[in-house]
Amino acid sequence: MESLSTSITVNAPAAKVWQALTDAEIVKQYFFGTNVVTDWKKGSPIFWRGEWEGKTYEDKGEILDIDPGKYVKYNYWSSMGGTEDKPENYVDVSYSLAEQDGKTVLTIGQERIKTVEAKEHSESNWQFIFGKMKEMVESNEV
């Protein structure tokens, strides 16, 4: 199994970055049009629903740990990933925020990745997705 950690620095306070990570209306704008549904509480389900290349999807997981404004960890299974919905096919994803001098470093972690290729694909996806979020936050679109 592989794991990854990648970071992006956003020129904004952590509270604003957290809002961009957890507000469904904002998430939809930078995360491929996905509708995220959860109450952001430990033990709660989390769903990502939408349409990709003409196919409807529903990805899902559970909030494993959360410290609002600073950290969240959830597990995740994609209906588009071609794997069966069972525990060994879920990956763990975390977002950690660290603010210093009005800037926030967002670190994205992902664990239980099956291959090096999948790891590389995930890392470039995270950089793309959160690069778009960074642009929105820094241009005060959120």
N, C-alpha and C. Protein backbone atom coordinates (compact mmCIF):
# COMPACT_ATOMS: atom_id res chain seq x y z
N MET A 1 0.83 -1.20 0.00
CA MET A 1 0.00 0.00 0.00
C MET A 1 0.87 1.26 0.00
N GLU A 2 0.37 2.26 -0.67
CA GLU A 2 1.07 3.53 -0.77
C GLU A 2 0.33 4.58 0.07
N SER A 3 1.07 5.64 0.38
CA SER A 3 0.43 6.80 1.01
C SER A 3 1.06 8.05 0.43
N LEU A 4 0.35 9.17 0.53
CA LEU A 4 0.89 10.42 0.01
C LEU A 4 0.57 11.55 0.96
N SER A 5 1.37 12.59 0.84
CA SER A 5 1.14 13.84 1.55
C SER A 5 1.54 14.96 0.60
N THR A 6 0.64 15.88 0.36
CA THR A 6 0.92 17.00 -0.52
C THR A 6 0.34 18.25 0.11
N SER A 7 0.99 19.39 -0.11
CA SER A 7 0.56 20.64 0.54
C SER A 7 0.37 21.74 -0.48
N ILE A 8 -0.46 22.69 -0.08
CA ILE A 8 -0.66 23.90 -0.87
C ILE A 8 -0.82 25.05 0.12
N THR A 9 -0.17 26.17 -0.17
CA THR A 9 -0.26 27.34 0.70
C THR A 9 -1.27 28.32 0.12
N VAL A 10 -2.22 28.72 0.97
CA VAL A 10 -3.28 29.65 0.56
C VAL A 10 -3.07 30.95 1.33
N ASN A 11 -3.07 32.03 0.59
CA ASN A 11 -2.86 33.36 1.18
C ASN A 11 -4.17 33.85 1.80
N ALA A 12 -4.57 33.17 2.88
CA ALA A 12 -5.82 33.49 3.58
C ALA A 12 -5.78 32.82 4.95
N PRO A 13 -6.58 33.32 5.89
CA PRO A 13 -6.64 32.69 7.21
C PRO A 13 -7.25 31.29 7.15
N ALA A 14 -6.92 30.47 8.14
CA ALA A 14 -7.40 29.10 8.19
C ALA A 14 -8.92 29.02 8.20
N ALA A 15 -9.60 29.94 8.86
CA ALA A 15 -11.07 29.91 8.93
C ALA A 15 -11.68 29.97 7.53
N LYS A 16 -11.07 30.76 6.67
CA LYS A 16 -11.58 30.90 5.31
C LYS A 16 -11.32 29.64 4.50
N VAL A 17 -10.15 29.05 4.70
CA VAL A 17 -9.81 27.80 3.99
C VAL A 17 -10.73 26.68 4.48
N TRP A 18 -10.96 26.60 5.78
CA TRP A 18 -11.86 25.59 6.33
C TRP A 18 -13.25 25.72 5.73
N GLN A 19 -13.73 26.95 5.63
CA GLN A 19 -15.04 27.18 5.03
C GLN A 19 -15.07 26.64 3.60
N ALA A 20 -14.00 26.89 2.85
CA ALA A 20 -13.93 26.42 1.47
C ALA A 20 -13.88 24.89 1.39
N LEU A 21 -13.36 24.24 2.42
CA LEU A 21 -13.29 22.78 2.45
C LEU A 21 -14.61 22.14 2.85
N THR A 22 -15.43 22.85 3.62
CA THR A 22 -16.60 22.22 4.24
C THR A 22 -17.95 22.78 3.81
N ASP A 23 -17.98 23.89 3.11
CA ASP A 23 -19.24 24.48 2.65
C ASP A 23 -19.59 23.87 1.29
N ALA A 24 -20.70 23.11 1.25
CA ALA A 24 -21.07 22.35 0.06
C ALA A 24 -21.18 23.22 -1.20
N GLU A 25 -21.70 24.44 -1.05
CA GLU A 25 -21.85 25.31 -2.22
C GLU A 25 -20.49 25.72 -2.79
N ILE A 26 -19.52 25.93 -1.93
CA ILE A 26 -18.17 26.30 -2.38
C ILE A 26 -17.47 25.08 -2.96
N VAL A 27 -17.55 23.93 -2.26
CA VAL A 27 -16.90 22.70 -2.73
C VAL A 27 -17.33 22.37 -4.15
N LYS A 28 -18.61 22.52 -4.42
CA LYS A 28 -19.16 22.19 -5.75
C LYS A 28 -18.46 22.99 -6.85
N GLN A 29 -18.04 24.21 -6.53
CA GLN A 29 -17.45 25.09 -7.54
C GLN A 29 -16.04 24.67 -7.95
N TYR A 30 -15.28 24.03 -7.07
CA TYR A 30 -13.91 23.65 -7.44
C TYR A 30 -13.69 22.14 -7.50
N PHE A 31 -14.63 21.33 -7.05
CA PHE A 31 -14.43 19.89 -6.95
C PHE A 31 -15.26 19.15 -8.00
N PHE A 32 -15.06 19.49 -9.28
CA PHE A 32 -15.72 18.81 -10.41
C PHE A 32 -17.24 18.81 -10.31
N GLY A 33 -17.83 19.83 -9.69
CA GLY A 33 -19.29 19.92 -9.59
C GLY A 33 -19.92 18.96 -8.60
N THR A 34 -19.11 18.39 -7.72
CA THR A 34 -19.60 17.42 -6.74
C THR A 34 -20.44 18.06 -5.66
N ASN A 35 -21.53 17.37 -5.30
CA ASN A 35 -22.34 17.76 -4.15
C ASN A 35 -21.88 16.95 -2.96
N VAL A 36 -21.24 17.60 -1.99
CA VAL A 36 -20.81 16.89 -0.78
C VAL A 36 -21.91 17.02 0.27
N VAL A 37 -22.25 15.89 0.88
CA VAL A 37 -23.33 15.86 1.86
C VAL A 37 -22.82 15.20 3.15
N THR A 38 -22.75 15.98 4.23
CA THR A 38 -22.37 15.48 5.55
C THR A 38 -22.66 16.56 6.58
N ASP A 39 -22.65 16.19 7.84
CA ASP A 39 -22.78 17.20 8.89
C ASP A 39 -21.43 17.50 9.55
N TRP A 40 -20.35 16.93 9.01
CA TRP A 40 -18.99 17.18 9.50
C TRP A 40 -18.84 16.86 10.99
N LYS A 41 -19.42 15.72 11.41
CA LYS A 41 -19.26 15.23 12.78
C LYS A 41 -18.63 13.84 12.75
N LYS A 42 -17.80 13.55 13.74
CA LYS A 42 -17.14 12.25 13.82
C LYS A 42 -18.18 11.13 13.82
N GLY A 43 -17.95 10.12 12.98
CA GLY A 43 -18.85 8.99 12.88
C GLY A 43 -19.97 9.16 11.87
N SER A 44 -20.11 10.36 11.32
CA SER A 44 -21.19 10.62 10.35
C SER A 44 -20.79 10.18 8.95
N PRO A 45 -21.79 9.83 8.15
CA PRO A 45 -21.51 9.50 6.76
C PRO A 45 -21.17 10.76 5.97
N ILE A 46 -20.43 10.56 4.88
CA ILE A 46 -20.14 11.64 3.95
C ILE A 46 -20.34 11.08 2.55
N PHE A 47 -21.02 11.85 1.71
CA PHE A 47 -21.31 11.43 0.33
C PHE A 47 -20.84 12.51 -0.63
N TRP A 48 -20.38 12.08 -1.79
CA TRP A 48 -20.09 12.98 -2.90
C TRP A 48 -20.94 12.47 -4.05
N ARG A 49 -21.83 13.34 -4.54
CA ARG A 49 -22.75 12.93 -5.60
C ARG A 49 -22.63 13.90 -6.77
N GLY A 50 -22.76 13.34 -7.96
CA GLY A 50 -22.71 14.20 -9.13
C GLY A 50 -22.75 13.40 -10.40
N GLU A 51 -22.24 14.04 -11.45
CA GLU A 51 -22.20 13.42 -12.76
C GLU A 51 -20.83 13.68 -13.35
N TRP A 52 -20.23 12.62 -13.91
CA TRP A 52 -18.90 12.75 -14.52
C TRP A 52 -18.96 12.06 -15.87
N GLU A 53 -18.65 12.83 -16.93
CA GLU A 53 -18.67 12.30 -18.29
C GLU A 53 -19.97 11.55 -18.59
N GLY A 54 -21.09 12.16 -18.16
CA GLY A 54 -22.40 11.61 -18.47
C GLY A 54 -22.87 10.49 -17.54
N LYS A 55 -22.04 10.11 -16.58
CA LYS A 55 -22.43 9.04 -15.65
C LYS A 55 -22.68 9.62 -14.26
N THR A 56 -23.80 9.22 -13.66
CA THR A 56 -24.11 9.63 -12.30
C THR A 56 -23.28 8.79 -11.34
N TYR A 57 -22.79 9.43 -10.28
CA TYR A 57 -22.02 8.68 -9.30
C TYR A 57 -22.43 9.08 -7.88
N GLU A 58 -22.14 8.17 -6.96
CA GLU A 58 -22.26 8.46 -5.54
C GLU A 58 -21.08 7.80 -4.85
N ASP A 59 -20.14 8.61 -4.42
CA ASP A 59 -18.99 8.13 -3.66
C ASP A 59 -19.32 8.34 -2.19
N LYS A 60 -18.71 7.53 -1.32
CA LYS A 60 -19.11 7.64 0.08
C LYS A 60 -17.98 7.29 1.03
N GLY A 61 -18.21 7.65 2.29
CA GLY A 61 -17.27 7.34 3.34
C GLY A 61 -17.85 7.72 4.68
N GLU A 62 -16.96 7.86 5.65
CA GLU A 62 -17.36 8.20 7.01
C GLU A 62 -16.32 9.15 7.59
N ILE A 63 -16.80 10.13 8.36
CA ILE A 63 -15.89 11.04 9.06
C ILE A 63 -15.24 10.24 10.20
N LEU A 64 -13.93 10.05 10.13
CA LEU A 64 -13.22 9.25 11.12
C LEU A 64 -12.75 10.08 12.31
N ASP A 65 -12.39 11.33 12.03
CA ASP A 65 -11.89 12.22 13.09
C ASP A 65 -12.05 13.65 12.59
N ILE A 66 -12.30 14.56 13.51
CA ILE A 66 -12.43 15.97 13.10
C ILE A 66 -12.12 16.88 14.28
N ASP A 67 -11.39 17.94 13.97
CA ASP A 67 -11.15 19.05 14.89
C ASP A 67 -11.52 20.29 14.07
N PRO A 68 -12.79 20.74 14.17
CA PRO A 68 -13.29 21.78 13.27
C PRO A 68 -12.35 22.99 13.17
N GLY A 69 -12.12 23.37 11.93
CA GLY A 69 -11.24 24.50 11.66
C GLY A 69 -9.79 24.13 11.48
N LYS A 70 -9.43 22.89 11.86
CA LYS A 70 -8.02 22.49 11.81
C LYS A 70 -7.74 21.18 11.09
N TYR A 71 -8.64 20.20 11.26
CA TYR A 71 -8.31 18.86 10.79
C TYR A 71 -9.57 18.04 10.55
N VAL A 72 -9.55 17.26 9.49
CA VAL A 72 -10.60 16.26 9.28
C VAL A 72 -9.97 15.06 8.58
N LYS A 73 -10.43 13.88 8.97
CA LYS A 73 -10.01 12.64 8.32
C LYS A 73 -11.27 11.83 8.04
N TYR A 74 -11.36 11.34 6.81
CA TYR A 74 -12.49 10.51 6.42
C TYR A 74 -12.01 9.35 5.57
N ASN A 75 -12.82 8.29 5.50
CA ASN A 75 -12.50 7.25 4.53
C ASN A 75 -13.38 7.47 3.31
N TYR A 76 -12.99 6.83 2.20
CA TYR A 76 -13.58 7.19 0.92
C TYR A 76 -13.56 6.00 -0.02
N TRP A 77 -14.70 5.76 -0.64
CA TRP A 77 -14.80 4.74 -1.69
C TRP A 77 -15.50 5.38 -2.88
N SER A 78 -14.94 5.16 -4.07
CA SER A 78 -15.50 5.73 -5.28
C SER A 78 -16.27 4.69 -6.08
N SER A 79 -17.50 5.03 -6.41
CA SER A 79 -18.31 4.15 -7.24
C SER A 79 -17.74 4.05 -8.66
N MET A 80 -16.89 5.00 -9.04
CA MET A 80 -16.29 5.02 -10.37
C MET A 80 -14.95 4.28 -10.40
N GLY A 81 -14.49 3.81 -9.24
CA GLY A 81 -13.16 3.21 -9.15
C GLY A 81 -13.06 1.77 -9.62
N GLY A 82 -14.20 1.14 -9.92
CA GLY A 82 -14.17 -0.22 -10.41
C GLY A 82 -13.91 -1.26 -9.33
N THR A 83 -14.06 -0.88 -8.05
CA THR A 83 -13.86 -1.84 -6.97
C THR A 83 -15.17 -2.05 -6.22
N GLU A 84 -15.23 -3.18 -5.53
CA GLU A 84 -16.40 -3.52 -4.74
C GLU A 84 -16.46 -2.63 -3.49
N ASP A 85 -17.67 -2.33 -3.04
CA ASP A 85 -17.86 -1.51 -1.84
C ASP A 85 -17.62 -2.38 -0.61
N LYS A 86 -16.36 -2.49 -0.21
CA LYS A 86 -16.01 -3.23 1.00
C LYS A 86 -14.81 -2.54 1.65
N PRO A 87 -14.63 -2.72 2.96
CA PRO A 87 -13.65 -1.93 3.72
C PRO A 87 -12.25 -1.85 3.12
N GLU A 88 -11.76 -2.95 2.57
CA GLU A 88 -10.37 -2.90 2.05
C GLU A 88 -10.22 -2.04 0.80
N ASN A 89 -11.34 -1.62 0.19
CA ASN A 89 -11.28 -0.77 -0.99
C ASN A 89 -11.45 0.72 -0.69
N TYR A 90 -11.53 1.07 0.59
CA TYR A 90 -11.64 2.47 0.99
C TYR A 90 -10.23 3.03 1.22
N VAL A 91 -10.04 4.29 0.86
CA VAL A 91 -8.80 4.99 1.20
C VAL A 91 -9.12 5.97 2.32
N ASP A 92 -8.11 6.35 3.08
CA ASP A 92 -8.26 7.35 4.13
C ASP A 92 -7.69 8.66 3.63
N VAL A 93 -8.45 9.74 3.79
CA VAL A 93 -8.04 11.07 3.34
C VAL A 93 -8.10 12.02 4.52
N SER A 94 -7.09 12.88 4.63
CA SER A 94 -7.11 13.89 5.71
C SER A 94 -6.74 15.25 5.16
N TYR A 95 -7.31 16.27 5.77
CA TYR A 95 -6.96 17.67 5.50
C TYR A 95 -6.49 18.26 6.83
N SER A 96 -5.30 18.83 6.82
CA SER A 96 -4.77 19.51 8.01
C SER A 96 -4.47 20.95 7.64
N LEU A 97 -4.87 21.88 8.51
CA LEU A 97 -4.63 23.30 8.27
C LEU A 97 -3.68 23.85 9.33
N ALA A 98 -2.71 24.62 8.89
CA ALA A 98 -1.78 25.29 9.80
C ALA A 98 -1.63 26.73 9.33
N GLU A 99 -2.07 27.66 10.17
CA GLU A 99 -2.02 29.09 9.81
C GLU A 99 -0.80 29.76 10.43
N GLN A 100 -0.15 30.59 9.61
CA GLN A 100 0.97 31.37 10.12
C GLN A 100 1.04 32.67 9.32
N ASP A 101 1.07 33.78 10.02
CA ASP A 101 1.17 35.10 9.39
C ASP A 101 0.09 35.33 8.33
N GLY A 102 -1.14 34.90 8.63
CA GLY A 102 -2.26 35.15 7.71
C GLY A 102 -2.32 34.22 6.52
N LYS A 103 -1.38 33.28 6.43
CA LYS A 103 -1.40 32.30 5.35
C LYS A 103 -1.68 30.94 5.96
N THR A 104 -2.27 30.06 5.17
CA THR A 104 -2.62 28.73 5.65
C THR A 104 -2.00 27.67 4.76
N VAL A 105 -1.32 26.73 5.39
CA VAL A 105 -0.81 25.57 4.67
C VAL A 105 -1.84 24.45 4.84
N LEU A 106 -2.39 24.02 3.72
CA LEU A 106 -3.32 22.90 3.70
C LEU A 106 -2.52 21.67 3.28
N THR A 107 -2.49 20.68 4.15
CA THR A 107 -1.80 19.42 3.83
C THR A 107 -2.86 18.35 3.64
N ILE A 108 -2.80 17.70 2.48
CA ILE A 108 -3.73 16.63 2.14
C ILE A 108 -2.97 15.32 2.28
N GLY A 109 -3.51 14.41 3.06
CA GLY A 109 -2.91 13.09 3.20
C GLY A 109 -3.85 12.04 2.64
N GLN A 110 -3.28 11.00 2.06
CA GLN A 110 -4.10 9.90 1.58
C GLN A 110 -3.35 8.60 1.88
N GLU A 111 -4.05 7.67 2.50
CA GLU A 111 -3.46 6.39 2.90
C GLU A 111 -4.23 5.24 2.27
N ARG A 112 -3.57 4.09 2.21
CA ARG A 112 -4.17 2.86 1.70
C ARG A 112 -4.40 2.91 0.20
N ILE A 113 -3.46 3.52 -0.52
CA ILE A 113 -3.53 3.59 -1.98
C ILE A 113 -2.91 2.31 -2.53
N LYS A 114 -3.58 1.69 -3.49
CA LYS A 114 -3.17 0.35 -3.94
C LYS A 114 -1.90 0.32 -4.79
N THR A 115 -1.66 1.33 -5.64
CA THR A 115 -0.51 1.28 -6.55
C THR A 115 0.20 2.63 -6.60
N VAL A 116 1.45 2.61 -7.09
CA VAL A 116 2.21 3.85 -7.29
C VAL A 116 1.51 4.73 -8.32
N GLU A 117 0.95 4.11 -9.36
CA GLU A 117 0.24 4.87 -10.40
C GLU A 117 -0.97 5.58 -9.81
N ALA A 118 -1.70 4.88 -8.95
CA ALA A 118 -2.88 5.49 -8.31
C ALA A 118 -2.44 6.64 -7.40
N LYS A 119 -1.31 6.46 -6.73
CA LYS A 119 -0.78 7.52 -5.86
C LYS A 119 -0.46 8.76 -6.68
N GLU A 120 0.24 8.58 -7.80
CA GLU A 120 0.60 9.73 -8.66
C GLU A 120 -0.64 10.41 -9.20
N HIS A 121 -1.63 9.62 -9.60
CA HIS A 121 -2.88 10.18 -10.12
C HIS A 121 -3.58 11.00 -9.02
N SER A 122 -3.65 10.44 -7.81
CA SER A 122 -4.29 11.15 -6.70
C SER A 122 -3.58 12.45 -6.38
N GLU A 123 -2.25 12.41 -6.35
CA GLU A 123 -1.50 13.61 -5.99
C GLU A 123 -1.75 14.73 -7.00
N SER A 124 -1.73 14.41 -8.29
CA SER A 124 -1.97 15.46 -9.29
C SER A 124 -3.41 15.95 -9.21
N ASN A 125 -4.36 15.05 -8.92
CA ASN A 125 -5.76 15.46 -8.74
C ASN A 125 -5.91 16.42 -7.57
N TRP A 126 -5.30 16.09 -6.40
CA TRP A 126 -5.39 16.96 -5.23
C TRP A 126 -4.82 18.34 -5.53
N GLN A 127 -3.67 18.38 -6.21
CA GLN A 127 -3.06 19.68 -6.53
C GLN A 127 -3.97 20.48 -7.46
N PHE A 128 -4.61 19.81 -8.42
CA PHE A 128 -5.52 20.49 -9.35
C PHE A 128 -6.74 21.03 -8.60
N ILE A 129 -7.39 20.16 -7.82
CA ILE A 129 -8.61 20.53 -7.10
C ILE A 129 -8.34 21.69 -6.13
N PHE A 130 -7.31 21.52 -5.29
CA PHE A 130 -7.07 22.54 -4.28
C PHE A 130 -6.36 23.76 -4.83
N GLY A 131 -5.76 23.63 -6.01
CA GLY A 131 -5.27 24.81 -6.73
C GLY A 131 -6.43 25.70 -7.13
N LYS A 132 -7.52 25.09 -7.58
CA LYS A 132 -8.73 25.84 -7.93
C LYS A 132 -9.34 26.48 -6.68
N MET A 133 -9.37 25.73 -5.57
CA MET A 133 -9.89 26.28 -4.31
C MET A 133 -9.04 27.49 -3.88
N LYS A 134 -7.73 27.36 -3.97
CA LYS A 134 -6.80 28.44 -3.61
C LYS A 134 -7.12 29.71 -4.41
N GLU A 135 -7.31 29.55 -5.72
CA GLU A 135 -7.64 30.70 -6.58
C GLU A 135 -8.93 31.36 -6.10
N MET A 136 -9.94 30.57 -5.79
CA MET A 136 -11.23 31.12 -5.35
C MET A 136 -11.08 31.87 -4.03
N VAL A 137 -10.38 31.26 -3.06
CA VAL A 137 -10.22 31.87 -1.75
C VAL A 137 -9.42 33.17 -1.88
N GLU A 138 -8.33 33.12 -2.62
CA GLU A 138 -7.45 34.29 -2.72
C GLU A 138 -8.08 35.43 -3.50
N SER A 139 -9.02 35.12 -4.38
CA SER A 139 -9.69 36.19 -5.16
C SER A 139 -11.00 36.60 -4.50
N ASN A 140 -11.19 36.14 -3.24
CA ASN A 140 -12.37 36.49 -2.45
C ASN A 140 -13.69 36.07 -3.08
N GLU A 141 -13.65 34.93 -3.79
CA GLU A 141 -14.91 34.37 -4.35
C GLU A 141 -15.66 33.55 -3.32
N VAL A 142 -15.07 33.40 -2.12
CA VAL A 142 -15.75 32.65 -1.06
C VAL A 142 -15.92 33.54 0.16
